[in-house]
Amino acid sequence: MSGFNINRRHFLKSSAAISAISALGWRGFDLIKSLETLQVGVIGTGWYGKNDVLRLIQVADVNVKAIAEVDAKMAEGAAEIISQRQKSGKKPTVFSDYRKMLEREDFDIVIIGTPDHWHALTAIDAIQSGAHVYLQKPISVDVLEGEAILKAAREHNKTVQIGTQRRSTPHLVEAKQKIVDEGLLGKVAHIEICSYYHMRFNGDPPVQPVPEHFDYDFWCGPAPVRPFDGLPHRRWRAYMEYGNGIVGDMCVHMLDTVRWMLGLGWPEQISSTGGIFVQKESNANITDTQTAVFEYDEMNVVWTHRTWGRPADPDYPWAFKIYGEHGLLKGDVFKYEFVGNDKTVVRGEVWLEKDLYPEDVGEKDLEIHAAPATRRHMLDFLSAIEKGSRPVADIEEGLISSASCILANVALDVGRPVSYDHEARMIHGDEESTKLLARKYREGFTHPSKRL
């Protein structure tokens, strides 16, 4: 590809917006314009699959020419809204099997918004087909899946951006630059991250017939087939067969945020405790209460979630708190606040771009506060492809954050701390835990660790 044609229609409406973005040093706005239209495919067109592709359409000249989705009704709805938003007005071709889509079409970019248990196979197949990939977090359901994605990306020289878009959230970029990078915190020796959202499924629906428009067997793919008790869209997060619970879903964002802010790599050791302590009436098998400790040199990052009761700090129910010797920095998706020991206070708030992107308003299921971050994440992705550089949420960063959260669940399962060796792809001195680095795949599917 020779370059990208970035859609600056909305940004050119507001010189103030451009000035603010430039002041924060946003990558992506210096892309070379070209007549070339990017060819895009989407695998998984549920909640975040649609969210991501619609944000890409807003900032780049793209043609979404095909989508893959196992729910025919969901696919039709996605194809319709994409046709309304993209410049050509064309509906993308719909496939039920993503493998056939990759065989028949060539793509510059593939966006993956499947449930977690499908992330590894779809990402690796898309990379091997010749596409750059935008992959939702966490990158995998087990550690060795993630290692295999990283290996494929590097071997095929493809850019993979992970949907940990806090790294592109305007007010958090501002907090990093104004507080962390300027040294206002001093030495940091303790970090707390948390989620107290009541987001765990609490029902126990009966088994029912699978609707004709939904291919449940292929939806399960390499994972176990649970008794069908209703469409699993978004509810799949309640089951460990398809994800890693609240730690895999919510901790990964906040752990990734503080790692990015402070330049942290792999934790030296990870431990975890928890279980289903309160919400026992549900058929969900993820924890409703869990604490994990990610140990670094002279500093711990402590995660806590509860899907019941009141949050410890009602103003920051899903958040990070970075404790430095000179002050405290708190942040979430809506705001940040720094309070220094000398009573200095610095605050910032979420950017909303309703005036620049009026189509955001009323879009079904859109987290409008997160849309600016996703747009910038897409621009950073495109910039990295153009320049041959690493994006801000490169696959390796996604591996560290995702695998660390998965390892917290491994530590919970075995009842002891674990220390992962990324180079050797094993847990030090622990054969039992090492065996848990790869989940068993269903017959007919091959675990990508076979390729390592």
Protein backbone atom coordinates (compact mmCIF):
# COMPACT_ATOMS: atom_id res chain seq x y z
CA MET A 1 0.00 0.00 0.00
CA SER A 2 1.29 3.43 -0.91
CA GLY A 3 -0.68 5.42 1.64
CA PHE A 4 -4.03 6.19 3.20
CA ASN A 5 -6.75 8.70 2.53
CA ILE A 6 -7.83 10.01 5.92
CA ASN A 7 -11.31 11.48 6.27
CA ARG A 8 -10.75 14.87 7.95
CA ARG A 9 -14.27 16.14 7.23
CA HIS A 10 -15.21 16.60 10.85
CA PHE A 11 -11.85 17.75 12.18
CA LEU A 12 -11.61 20.53 9.63
CA LYS A 13 -14.83 21.94 11.04
CA SER A 14 -13.08 22.82 14.25
CA SER A 15 -9.65 24.43 14.43
CA ALA A 16 -9.93 24.26 18.20
CA ALA A 17 -10.28 20.49 18.05
CA ILE A 18 -7.25 20.20 15.77
CA SER A 19 -5.19 22.43 18.06
CA ALA A 20 -6.11 20.34 21.09
CA ILE A 21 -5.28 17.10 19.32
CA SER A 22 -1.98 18.46 18.02
CA ALA A 23 -1.03 19.67 21.49
CA LEU A 24 -1.40 16.13 22.78
CA GLY A 25 0.89 14.82 20.07
CA TRP A 26 -1.60 12.52 18.35
CA ARG A 27 -0.02 10.15 15.90
CA GLY A 28 -1.90 9.52 12.70
CA PHE A 29 -2.77 13.02 11.49
CA ASP A 30 0.37 13.28 9.40
CA LEU A 31 -0.59 10.34 7.20
CA ILE A 32 0.10 10.66 3.51
CA LYS A 33 -3.06 11.12 1.47
CA SER A 34 -3.64 8.70 -1.37
CA LEU A 35 -6.34 7.84 -3.85
CA GLU A 36 -6.23 4.29 -2.55
CA THR A 37 -9.27 3.01 -0.70
CA LEU A 38 -8.58 0.50 2.05
CA GLN A 39 -10.36 -2.84 1.67
CA VAL A 40 -11.73 -4.00 5.01
CA GLY A 41 -13.23 -7.22 6.35
CA VAL A 42 -14.93 -7.72 9.70
CA ILE A 43 -15.12 -10.99 11.65
CA GLY A 44 -17.80 -10.82 14.33
CA THR A 45 -20.32 -8.01 13.93
CA GLY A 46 -21.85 -7.87 17.38
CA TRP A 47 -21.42 -5.05 19.86
CA TYR A 48 -17.76 -4.11 19.43
CA GLY A 49 -17.27 -5.45 15.94
CA LYS A 50 -19.76 -2.86 14.67
CA ASN A 51 -18.42 -0.21 17.03
CA ASP A 52 -14.88 -0.59 15.73
CA VAL A 53 -15.66 -0.66 12.03
CA LEU A 54 -17.97 2.35 12.27
CA ARG A 55 -15.24 4.35 13.99
CA LEU A 56 -12.78 3.37 11.25
CA ILE A 57 -15.24 4.52 8.58
CA GLN A 58 -15.35 7.92 10.31
CA VAL A 59 -11.61 8.56 10.00
CA ALA A 60 -10.39 6.77 6.88
CA ASP A 61 -11.30 6.13 3.27
CA VAL A 62 -12.36 2.49 3.50
CA ASN A 63 -14.56 0.01 1.70
CA VAL A 64 -15.97 -2.63 4.01
CA LYS A 65 -16.50 -5.25 1.37
CA ALA A 66 -17.27 -8.33 3.48
CA ILE A 67 -18.28 -9.39 6.97
CA ALA A 68 -18.37 -12.80 8.65
CA GLU A 69 -21.04 -13.50 11.26
CA VAL A 70 -22.70 -16.72 12.49
CA ASP A 71 -25.96 -14.93 13.42
CA ALA A 72 -27.76 -14.18 10.15
CA LYS A 73 -30.01 -11.55 11.70
CA MET A 74 -27.10 -9.76 13.33
CA ALA A 75 -25.17 -9.90 10.06
CA GLU A 76 -28.01 -8.29 8.13
CA GLY A 77 -28.26 -5.45 10.64
CA ALA A 78 -24.50 -4.88 10.50
CA ALA A 79 -24.45 -4.90 6.69
CA GLU A 80 -27.26 -2.34 6.61
CA ILE A 81 -25.67 0.17 8.99
CA ILE A 82 -22.27 -0.21 7.28
CA SER A 83 -23.88 0.56 3.90
CA GLN A 84 -25.48 3.67 5.40
CA ARG A 85 -22.17 4.91 6.81
CA GLN A 86 -19.58 4.09 4.18
CA LYS A 87 -18.99 6.41 1.26
CA SER A 88 -19.80 3.87 -1.46
CA GLY A 89 -23.21 3.07 0.04
CA LYS A 90 -22.60 -0.59 -0.80
CA LYS A 91 -23.61 -3.43 1.47
CA PRO A 92 -20.74 -5.75 2.33
CA THR A 93 -20.97 -9.38 1.27
CA VAL A 94 -22.04 -11.57 4.19
CA PHE A 95 -20.33 -14.86 5.07
CA SER A 96 -21.28 -17.19 7.90
CA ASP A 97 -17.80 -18.80 7.95
CA TYR A 98 -14.92 -16.34 8.21
CA ARG A 99 -12.55 -18.85 6.62
CA LYS A 100 -14.48 -18.71 3.36
CA MET A 101 -14.40 -14.91 3.52
CA LEU A 102 -10.62 -14.89 3.85
CA GLU A 103 -10.27 -17.41 1.01
CA ARG A 104 -12.43 -15.47 -1.45
CA GLU A 105 -11.55 -11.85 -0.64
CA ASP A 106 -8.34 -9.86 -0.24
CA PHE A 107 -8.19 -7.31 2.57
CA ASP A 108 -5.83 -4.58 3.67
CA ILE A 109 -7.33 -4.71 7.17
CA VAL A 110 -9.43 -7.21 9.10
CA ILE A 111 -11.28 -6.13 12.24
CA ILE A 112 -11.98 -8.91 14.74
CA GLY A 113 -14.83 -8.50 17.21
CA THR A 114 -15.61 -12.13 18.03
CA PRO A 115 -15.95 -13.56 21.54
CA ASP A 116 -12.58 -14.23 23.15
CA HIS A 117 -12.43 -17.96 22.40
CA TRP A 118 -12.28 -17.20 18.66
CA HIS A 119 -9.67 -14.41 18.81
CA ALA A 120 -6.55 -16.50 18.22
CA LEU A 121 -7.68 -18.58 15.26
CA THR A 122 -9.31 -15.66 13.44
CA ALA A 123 -6.35 -13.33 14.05
CA ILE A 124 -3.75 -15.83 12.87
CA ASP A 125 -5.79 -16.77 9.80
CA ALA A 126 -6.30 -13.09 8.92
CA ILE A 127 -2.58 -12.37 9.33
CA GLN A 128 -1.65 -15.33 7.15
CA SER A 129 -4.12 -14.16 4.51
CA GLY A 130 -2.07 -10.96 4.17
CA ALA A 131 -4.11 -8.51 6.25
CA HIS A 132 -3.20 -6.17 9.05
CA VAL A 133 -5.43 -6.82 12.06
CA TYR A 134 -7.36 -4.78 14.60
CA LEU A 135 -8.10 -7.28 17.38
CA GLN A 136 -10.30 -6.80 20.38
CA LYS A 137 -8.98 -7.48 23.87
CA PRO A 138 -8.07 -9.75 25.50
CA ILE A 139 -6.12 -11.20 22.64
CA SER A 140 -6.85 -14.81 23.62
CA VAL A 141 -8.41 -17.14 26.17
CA ASP A 142 -5.12 -18.80 27.06
CA VAL A 143 -1.51 -17.69 27.18
CA LEU A 144 -0.07 -19.80 24.36
CA GLU A 145 -2.79 -18.66 21.94
CA GLY A 146 -1.53 -15.14 22.50
CA GLU A 147 2.08 -16.17 21.99
CA ALA A 148 1.06 -17.76 18.67
CA ILE A 149 -0.61 -14.54 17.46
CA LEU A 150 2.54 -12.56 18.29
CA LYS A 151 4.68 -15.08 16.42
CA ALA A 152 2.42 -14.95 13.35
CA ALA A 153 2.37 -11.14 13.32
CA ARG A 154 6.16 -10.89 13.45
CA GLU A 155 6.78 -13.68 10.93
CA HIS A 156 4.40 -12.14 8.38
CA ASN A 157 5.42 -8.55 9.21
CA LYS A 158 1.84 -7.48 9.88
CA THR A 159 0.62 -4.72 12.15
CA VAL A 160 -1.75 -5.82 14.91
CA GLN A 161 -3.44 -3.19 17.05
CA ILE A 162 -5.26 -4.38 20.19
CA GLY A 163 -8.48 -2.73 21.36
CA THR A 164 -7.00 -1.51 24.64
CA GLN A 165 -7.96 2.02 23.67
CA ARG A 166 -7.25 3.64 27.02
CA ARG A 167 -3.82 4.25 25.45
CA SER A 168 -5.61 6.55 23.00
CA THR A 169 -8.14 8.09 25.41
CA PRO A 170 -7.61 11.87 25.22
CA HIS A 171 -7.94 12.76 28.88
CA LEU A 172 -5.77 9.80 29.95
CA VAL A 173 -3.09 10.75 27.42
CA GLU A 174 -3.27 14.21 28.98
CA ALA A 175 -2.90 12.71 32.48
CA LYS A 176 0.14 10.71 31.42
CA GLN A 177 1.80 13.74 29.86
CA LYS A 178 0.96 16.29 32.55
CA ILE A 179 1.32 14.13 35.66
CA VAL A 180 3.32 10.95 35.08
CA ASP A 181 5.79 12.14 32.44
CA GLU A 182 6.42 15.40 34.32
CA GLY A 183 7.36 13.44 37.45
CA LEU A 184 4.67 14.89 39.70
CA LEU A 185 4.08 11.49 41.32
CA GLY A 186 7.68 10.87 42.29
CA LYS A 187 8.49 7.22 43.03
CA VAL A 188 5.47 4.99 42.55
CA ALA A 189 5.30 2.04 44.93
CA HIS A 190 1.65 0.94 44.90
CA ILE A 191 -1.20 0.85 42.37
CA GLU A 192 -4.82 -0.17 42.81
CA ILE A 193 -7.07 -1.12 39.90
CA CYS A 194 -10.67 -2.23 40.24
CA SER A 195 -14.13 -2.91 38.86
CA TYR A 196 -17.23 -2.83 41.01
CA TYR A 197 -19.74 -2.92 38.15
CA HIS A 198 -22.66 -5.30 38.62
CA MET A 199 -22.04 -6.88 35.22
CA ARG A 200 -22.16 -10.60 35.99
CA PHE A 201 -25.14 -12.50 34.56
CA ASN A 202 -27.40 -13.62 37.41
CA GLY A 203 -29.99 -15.76 35.65
CA ASP A 204 -30.42 -19.48 35.08
CA PRO A 205 -32.51 -19.84 31.92
CA PRO A 206 -33.78 -23.24 30.70
CA VAL A 207 -32.30 -25.12 27.77
CA GLN A 208 -34.06 -24.24 24.52
CA PRO A 209 -33.88 -24.96 20.78
CA VAL A 210 -31.24 -23.14 18.76
CA PRO A 211 -32.82 -20.59 16.36
CA GLU A 212 -32.45 -21.35 12.66
CA HIS A 213 -30.64 -18.06 12.00
CA PHE A 214 -27.84 -18.88 14.47
CA ASP A 215 -25.02 -21.39 13.89
CA TYR A 216 -24.36 -22.32 17.49
CA ASP A 217 -21.93 -25.13 16.73
CA PHE A 218 -19.61 -22.84 14.76
CA TRP A 219 -20.08 -20.06 17.31
CA CYS A 220 -18.63 -22.44 19.94
CA GLY A 221 -15.83 -23.31 17.55
CA PRO A 222 -12.77 -24.61 19.44
CA ALA A 223 -14.44 -24.16 22.84
CA PRO A 224 -16.77 -26.58 24.66
CA VAL A 225 -20.44 -26.62 23.66
CA ARG A 226 -22.59 -25.60 26.61
CA PRO A 227 -26.31 -26.44 26.62
CA PHE A 228 -28.00 -23.70 24.59
CA ASP A 229 -30.06 -21.48 26.91
CA GLY A 230 -30.49 -18.43 24.69
CA LEU A 231 -28.40 -16.34 22.32
CA PRO A 232 -24.98 -15.89 23.94
CA HIS A 233 -24.28 -12.40 22.54
CA ARG A 234 -22.50 -10.44 25.28
CA ARG A 235 -23.71 -13.02 27.86
CA TRP A 236 -20.86 -15.36 26.87
CA ARG A 237 -18.67 -13.33 29.24
CA ALA A 238 -20.39 -15.12 32.13
CA TYR A 239 -18.78 -18.46 31.24
CA MET A 240 -15.15 -19.47 31.57
CA GLU A 241 -15.50 -21.72 28.54
CA TYR A 242 -15.47 -18.61 26.34
CA GLY A 243 -13.47 -16.02 28.27
CA ASN A 244 -11.63 -15.23 31.49
CA GLY A 245 -14.32 -13.59 33.58
CA ILE A 246 -14.17 -10.05 34.91
CA VAL A 247 -10.39 -10.23 35.15
CA GLY A 248 -10.08 -11.00 31.44
CA ASP A 249 -12.74 -8.48 30.47
CA MET A 250 -12.16 -5.48 32.74
CA CYS A 251 -8.83 -5.88 34.53
CA VAL A 252 -7.03 -6.13 31.20
CA HIS A 253 -7.99 -2.52 30.39
CA MET A 254 -6.83 -1.03 33.68
CA LEU A 255 -3.71 -3.15 33.97
CA ASP A 256 -2.79 -2.16 30.42
CA THR A 257 -3.42 1.50 31.25
CA VAL A 258 -1.03 1.62 34.18
CA ARG A 259 1.56 -0.45 32.34
CA TRP A 260 1.45 2.07 29.49
CA MET A 261 1.57 5.08 31.81
CA LEU A 262 4.53 3.78 33.80
CA GLY A 263 6.35 1.73 31.14
CA LEU A 264 5.88 -1.61 32.89
CA GLY A 265 6.52 -4.96 31.23
CA TRP A 266 5.83 -8.49 32.44
CA PRO A 267 5.03 -8.89 36.16
CA GLU A 268 7.59 -10.87 38.10
CA GLN A 269 4.91 -12.89 39.89
CA ILE A 270 1.11 -13.09 39.90
CA SER A 271 -1.21 -14.35 42.62
CA SER A 272 -4.98 -14.39 43.02
CA THR A 273 -7.78 -15.32 45.38
CA GLY A 274 -11.53 -15.30 44.97
CA GLY A 275 -14.57 -17.29 43.92
CA ILE A 276 -18.33 -17.24 43.72
CA PHE A 277 -19.14 -15.96 47.17
CA VAL A 278 -22.51 -14.21 46.80
CA GLN A 279 -24.29 -14.73 43.47
CA LYS A 280 -24.70 -18.49 43.70
CA GLU A 281 -28.14 -18.63 42.06
CA SER A 282 -26.74 -17.92 38.57
CA ASN A 283 -25.49 -20.49 36.08
CA ALA A 284 -22.55 -18.17 35.42
CA ASN A 285 -19.26 -19.81 36.41
CA ILE A 286 -17.00 -16.75 36.56
CA THR A 287 -16.02 -15.30 39.94
CA ASP A 288 -18.17 -12.64 41.54
CA THR A 289 -15.31 -11.68 43.88
CA GLN A 290 -11.60 -11.71 43.07
CA THR A 291 -8.33 -10.05 43.96
CA ALA A 292 -5.14 -10.40 41.95
CA VAL A 293 -1.66 -9.07 42.71
CA PHE A 294 0.76 -8.31 39.87
CA GLU A 295 4.20 -7.97 41.45
CA TYR A 296 6.87 -5.68 40.02
CA ASP A 297 10.19 -4.56 41.47
CA GLU A 298 9.36 -2.55 44.62
CA MET A 299 5.75 -2.12 43.49
CA ASN A 300 2.52 -4.11 43.36
CA VAL A 301 -0.49 -3.61 41.12
CA VAL A 302 -3.52 -4.87 43.04
CA TRP A 303 -6.74 -5.70 41.21
CA THR A 304 -10.11 -6.14 42.95
CA HIS A 305 -13.53 -6.84 41.52
CA ARG A 306 -16.91 -7.45 43.06
CA THR A 307 -20.08 -7.83 41.00
CA TRP A 308 -22.24 -7.17 44.06
CA GLY A 309 -22.43 -4.58 46.83
CA ARG A 310 -21.18 -1.01 46.77
CA PRO A 311 -17.94 0.22 45.17
CA ALA A 312 -15.11 1.18 47.49
CA ASP A 313 -15.03 4.63 45.86
CA PRO A 314 -18.38 5.47 44.18
CA ASP A 315 -16.71 8.15 42.03
CA TYR A 316 -14.30 5.59 40.58
CA PRO A 317 -16.11 2.24 40.22
CA TRP A 318 -13.89 1.02 37.33
CA ALA A 319 -10.59 2.77 37.68
CA PHE A 320 -6.91 2.97 38.54
CA LYS A 321 -5.22 4.72 41.45
CA ILE A 322 -1.49 5.32 41.21
CA TYR A 323 0.14 6.11 44.56
CA GLY A 324 3.37 8.10 44.33
CA GLU A 325 5.55 9.55 47.04
CA HIS A 326 4.43 13.07 46.03
CA GLY A 327 0.76 12.47 45.29
CA LEU A 328 -2.09 10.28 44.03
CA LEU A 329 -3.39 9.99 40.46
CA LYS A 330 -6.89 8.55 39.98
CA GLY A 331 -8.42 7.90 36.59
CA ASP A 332 -11.19 6.19 34.69
CA VAL A 333 -12.92 6.42 31.32
CA PHE A 334 -14.63 9.69 32.29
CA LYS A 335 -12.01 11.71 34.17
CA TYR A 336 -8.73 11.91 36.05
CA GLU A 337 -7.63 13.72 39.20
CA PHE A 338 -4.20 14.29 40.67
CA VAL A 339 -3.85 15.45 44.28
CA GLY A 340 -0.33 16.31 45.39
CA ASN A 341 1.01 16.19 48.91
CA ASP A 342 1.32 19.97 48.64
CA LYS A 343 -2.45 20.10 47.89
CA THR A 344 -1.88 20.76 44.17
CA VAL A 345 -4.94 19.53 42.26
CA VAL A 346 -5.02 18.81 38.52
CA ARG A 347 -8.16 17.49 36.85
CA GLY A 348 -9.26 16.48 33.38
CA GLU A 349 -12.46 15.14 31.83
CA VAL A 350 -13.55 12.96 28.96
CA TRP A 351 -13.71 14.48 25.49
CA LEU A 352 -17.07 14.12 23.79
CA GLU A 353 -17.26 14.80 20.07
CA LYS A 354 -20.98 14.97 19.42
CA ASP A 355 -20.57 18.15 17.38
CA LEU A 356 -17.82 16.65 15.24
CA TYR A 357 -19.50 13.27 14.81
CA PRO A 358 -23.27 13.75 15.16
CA GLU A 359 -23.84 10.23 13.86
CA ASP A 360 -22.53 8.97 17.23
CA VAL A 361 -25.65 10.31 18.92
CA GLY A 362 -28.30 7.63 19.09
CA GLU A 363 -26.09 4.86 17.70
CA LYS A 364 -27.30 1.64 19.33
CA ASP A 365 -25.04 0.36 22.12
CA LEU A 366 -22.33 2.97 21.46
CA GLU A 367 -20.31 4.03 24.48
CA ILE A 368 -20.15 7.61 23.27
CA HIS A 369 -17.48 8.53 25.82
CA ALA A 370 -15.18 5.86 24.34
CA ALA A 371 -15.73 6.77 20.68
CA PRO A 372 -13.01 9.49 20.56
CA ALA A 373 -10.49 6.99 21.93
CA THR A 374 -11.41 4.35 19.36
CA ARG A 375 -11.11 6.85 16.51
CA ARG A 376 -7.63 7.84 17.64
CA HIS A 377 -6.74 4.19 18.14
CA MET A 378 -7.72 3.55 14.52
CA LEU A 379 -5.62 6.49 13.31
CA ASP A 380 -2.65 5.24 15.30
CA PHE A 381 -3.17 1.79 13.73
CA LEU A 382 -3.18 3.26 10.22
CA SER A 383 -0.13 5.38 10.97
CA ALA A 384 1.80 2.34 12.17
CA ILE A 385 0.93 0.44 8.99
CA GLU A 386 2.01 3.38 6.83
CA LYS A 387 5.29 3.95 8.65
CA GLY A 388 6.16 0.34 9.42
CA SER A 389 6.30 1.18 13.13
CA ARG A 390 4.65 -0.40 16.16
CA PRO A 391 1.17 0.90 17.09
CA VAL A 392 0.54 2.17 20.60
CA ALA A 393 -1.29 -1.06 21.53
CA ASP A 394 0.96 -3.42 19.59
CA ILE A 395 0.28 -7.15 19.76
CA GLU A 396 3.21 -7.65 22.16
CA GLU A 397 1.75 -5.13 24.61
CA GLY A 398 -1.61 -6.84 24.20
CA LEU A 399 0.00 -10.19 24.98
CA ILE A 400 1.56 -8.93 28.22
CA SER A 401 -1.67 -7.39 29.50
CA SER A 402 -3.92 -10.25 28.36
CA ALA A 403 -1.65 -13.07 29.49
CA SER A 404 -1.08 -11.44 32.88
CA CYS A 405 -4.83 -11.45 33.51
CA ILE A 406 -5.16 -15.03 32.27
CA LEU A 407 -2.30 -16.01 34.58
CA ALA A 408 -4.19 -14.49 37.50
CA ASN A 409 -6.90 -17.06 36.85
CA VAL A 410 -4.28 -19.80 36.57
CA ALA A 411 -2.93 -18.74 39.97
CA LEU A 412 -6.48 -18.84 41.35
CA ASP A 413 -7.04 -22.32 39.94
CA VAL A 414 -3.84 -23.83 41.38
CA GLY A 415 -4.00 -21.87 44.62
CA ARG A 416 -0.46 -20.42 44.49
CA PRO A 417 1.52 -17.64 42.82
CA VAL A 418 2.87 -18.14 39.30
CA SER A 419 5.89 -16.65 37.55
CA TYR A 420 5.72 -16.80 33.76
CA ASP A 421 8.77 -17.04 31.50
CA HIS A 422 7.79 -15.45 28.17
CA GLU A 423 10.93 -16.63 26.38
CA ALA A 424 10.58 -20.25 27.48
CA ARG A 425 6.76 -20.13 27.45
CA MET A 426 6.51 -21.90 30.80
CA ILE A 427 5.80 -21.19 34.46
CA HIS A 428 8.94 -21.45 36.54
CA GLY A 429 9.16 -24.64 38.59
CA ASP A 430 5.49 -25.50 38.17
CA GLU A 431 4.62 -28.28 35.74
CA GLU A 432 0.95 -28.30 36.76
CA SER A 433 0.52 -24.57 36.06
CA THR A 434 2.47 -24.79 32.82
CA LYS A 435 -0.06 -27.31 31.52
CA LEU A 436 -2.76 -24.64 32.00
CA LEU A 437 -1.09 -22.25 29.54
CA ALA A 438 -3.08 -23.88 26.72
CA ARG A 439 -6.72 -24.92 26.87
CA LYS A 440 -7.95 -28.12 25.29
CA TYR A 441 -9.56 -27.54 21.89
CA ARG A 442 -12.68 -29.28 20.68
CA GLU A 443 -12.24 -32.03 18.08
CA GLY A 444 -11.88 -30.58 14.60
CA PHE A 445 -9.83 -27.57 15.74
CA THR A 446 -6.07 -27.36 16.24
CA HIS A 447 -4.63 -25.23 19.02
CA PRO A 448 -2.21 -22.64 17.56
CA SER A 449 0.45 -23.54 20.13
CA LYS A 450 1.23 -26.43 17.80
CA ARG A 451 2.78 -23.78 15.53
CA LEU A 452 5.09 -22.36 18.22
